[in-house]
Amino acid sequence: MYYPNYIFNDDEIMEITCYRDAIYAQEARTLPAETYNLALTLLHKTNQHVLFVPIRAMQYLAVLDDEEWVFLDGVRKCWVDIAWQHFQPRQRTSLTDAVAYQAVYYQTESAQLMNRLQHELPNALKALANKSRPTEAGKIIKLPAP
């Protein structure tokens, strides 16, 4: 299945084409609120609503958009190994509650990667957040002398 993602860098557009095998398995899971909230904050800071998150500890690339988050192995490059879909943030009663979602596996070993992905993704998001720079220049406000 064809799955295009785009990253915009000033006037430059790069297209990444991802493919999917047949679905091997899927299951309902939950994502800690801190991870979900940070991912959405970073995602919505981009003008394109697509976020590329390198997960260096696993040699994976997470591609996040408003609909789903896909994970690409550095070895298989453009093939989606796992997709997280159908996030249910409106079912929470508090912003600190976990978010339910559907994990879709495209490889037999994908289910075994889930615990590690849920551990490493927050680290990668925090590293990305620490590298982020303000989108606007700072403003100096001149205050009257007392």
Protein backbone atom coordinates (compact mmCIF):
# COMPACT_ATOMS: atom_id res chain seq x y z
CA MET A 1 0.00 0.00 0.00
CA TYR A 2 1.33 3.44 -0.92
CA TYR A 3 1.67 5.93 1.93
CA PRO A 4 3.20 9.33 1.13
CA ASN A 5 4.59 11.64 3.79
CA TYR A 6 6.02 15.05 3.22
CA ILE A 7 8.54 17.16 5.05
CA PHE A 8 8.84 20.83 4.23
CA ASN A 9 12.10 22.66 4.77
CA ASP A 10 11.66 26.32 3.85
CA ASP A 11 10.91 26.15 0.12
CA GLU A 12 12.12 22.59 -0.30
CA ILE A 13 9.73 19.62 -0.25
CA MET A 14 10.90 16.08 0.30
CA GLU A 15 8.55 13.16 -0.28
CA ILE A 16 8.98 9.87 1.50
CA THR A 17 7.04 6.95 0.09
CA CYS A 18 6.23 4.14 2.49
CA TYR A 19 4.80 0.72 1.73
CA ARG A 20 2.93 -1.77 3.86
CA ASP A 21 2.77 -5.54 3.84
CA ALA A 22 -0.50 -7.26 4.66
CA ILE A 23 -1.56 -6.79 8.28
CA TYR A 24 -0.08 -9.55 10.41
CA ALA A 25 -1.89 -8.68 13.66
CA GLN A 26 -3.40 -5.78 15.57
CA GLU A 27 -4.30 -5.03 19.15
CA ALA A 28 -5.72 -2.30 21.35
CA ARG A 29 -3.11 -0.52 23.49
CA THR A 30 -2.69 2.63 25.54
CA LEU A 31 -0.04 5.32 25.37
CA PRO A 32 1.02 7.30 28.44
CA ALA A 33 -0.39 10.81 28.45
CA GLU A 34 3.03 12.44 28.74
CA THR A 35 4.20 10.79 25.50
CA TYR A 36 1.00 11.52 23.60
CA ASN A 37 0.83 15.14 24.77
CA LEU A 38 4.49 15.84 23.93
CA ALA A 39 4.13 14.25 20.49
CA LEU A 40 1.07 16.36 19.70
CA THR A 41 2.76 19.52 20.95
CA LEU A 42 5.76 18.92 18.67
CA LEU A 43 3.54 17.83 15.77
CA HIS A 44 1.41 20.96 15.91
CA LYS A 45 4.46 23.22 16.03
CA THR A 46 5.16 22.19 12.44
CA ASN A 47 3.32 23.97 9.65
CA GLN A 48 2.80 20.71 7.79
CA HIS A 49 1.48 18.58 10.68
CA VAL A 50 4.03 15.86 9.89
CA LEU A 51 6.77 15.09 12.37
CA PHE A 52 9.82 12.91 11.72
CA VAL A 53 11.29 11.47 14.94
CA PRO A 54 14.54 9.49 14.73
CA ILE A 55 14.64 6.75 17.36
CA ARG A 56 18.38 6.29 17.30
CA ALA A 57 18.54 3.60 20.00
CA MET A 58 16.51 1.30 17.75
CA GLN A 59 17.55 2.59 14.31
CA TYR A 60 13.91 3.44 13.60
CA LEU A 61 12.18 6.48 12.20
CA ALA A 62 8.77 7.45 13.53
CA VAL A 63 6.59 9.47 11.16
CA LEU A 64 3.75 11.17 13.01
CA ASP A 65 0.74 12.90 11.53
CA ASP A 66 -2.76 13.66 12.76
CA GLU A 67 -4.15 10.28 11.67
CA GLU A 68 -1.48 7.75 12.58
CA TRP A 69 2.10 7.21 13.65
CA VAL A 70 4.17 4.78 11.58
CA PHE A 71 7.52 3.24 12.42
CA LEU A 72 10.14 2.46 9.77
CA ASP A 73 13.10 0.18 10.41
CA GLY A 74 16.47 1.47 9.26
CA VAL A 75 17.09 -1.85 7.49
CA ARG A 76 13.79 -2.11 5.61
CA LYS A 77 13.79 1.66 4.95
CA CYS A 78 10.45 2.49 3.32
CA TRP A 79 8.40 -0.41 4.70
CA VAL A 80 6.12 0.23 7.65
CA ASP A 81 6.71 -2.29 10.45
CA ILE A 82 4.19 -0.92 12.94
CA ALA A 83 1.44 1.70 12.75
CA TRP A 84 -0.36 3.28 15.68
CA GLN A 85 -3.83 4.34 14.60
CA HIS A 86 -7.24 5.42 15.84
CA PHE A 87 -6.07 7.42 18.84
CA GLN A 88 -8.92 8.09 21.28
CA PRO A 89 -7.88 11.19 23.27
CA ARG A 90 -11.49 12.29 23.75
CA GLN A 91 -12.22 9.22 25.84
CA ARG A 92 -9.95 10.54 28.58
CA THR A 93 -11.39 12.42 31.51
CA SER A 94 -8.09 14.19 32.22
CA LEU A 95 -5.06 15.27 30.21
CA THR A 96 -3.00 13.00 32.46
CA ASP A 97 -4.94 9.86 31.46
CA ALA A 98 -3.44 7.40 28.98
CA VAL A 99 -4.71 7.48 25.38
CA ALA A 100 -6.15 4.35 23.79
CA TYR A 101 -5.08 3.45 20.25
CA GLN A 102 -4.85 0.54 17.83
CA ALA A 103 -1.43 -1.00 17.12
CA VAL A 104 -1.16 -2.59 13.67
CA TYR A 105 1.68 -5.02 13.00
CA TYR A 106 2.99 -5.78 9.53
CA GLN A 107 5.79 -8.19 10.51
CA THR A 108 5.84 -11.31 12.69
CA GLU A 109 8.40 -9.73 15.04
CA SER A 110 6.62 -6.37 15.25
CA ALA A 111 4.66 -7.25 18.40
CA GLN A 112 7.94 -7.98 20.19
CA LEU A 113 9.16 -4.44 19.43
CA MET A 114 6.19 -2.70 21.04
CA ASN A 115 7.47 -2.52 24.62
CA ARG A 116 10.80 -1.16 23.45
CA LEU A 117 9.11 1.36 21.12
CA GLN A 118 6.90 2.61 23.93
CA HIS A 119 10.05 3.04 26.04
CA GLU A 120 12.29 4.64 23.39
CA LEU A 121 9.76 6.94 21.66
CA PRO A 122 9.39 9.25 24.71
CA ASN A 123 13.18 9.55 24.91
CA ALA A 124 13.38 10.44 21.22
CA LEU A 125 10.55 12.98 21.55
CA LYS A 126 12.27 14.62 24.54
CA ALA A 127 15.55 14.80 22.61
CA LEU A 128 13.72 16.38 19.68
CA ALA A 129 11.95 18.86 21.98
CA ASN A 130 15.31 19.87 23.48
CA LYS A 131 16.66 20.56 19.98
CA SER A 132 13.63 22.59 18.96
CA ARG A 133 14.13 26.28 18.64
CA PRO A 134 11.52 29.01 18.97
CA THR A 135 9.52 29.62 15.81
CA GLU A 136 9.41 33.39 16.38
CA ALA A 137 12.13 35.86 17.19
CA GLY A 138 12.10 37.21 20.72
CA LYS A 139 10.61 40.63 21.33
CA ILE A 140 12.06 43.34 23.52
CA ILE A 141 9.52 45.36 25.41
CA LYS A 142 10.69 48.81 26.41
CA LEU A 143 9.42 49.66 29.85
CA PRO A 144 9.17 53.24 31.04
CA ALA A 145 11.72 54.29 33.62
CA PRO A 146 10.31 54.57 37.17
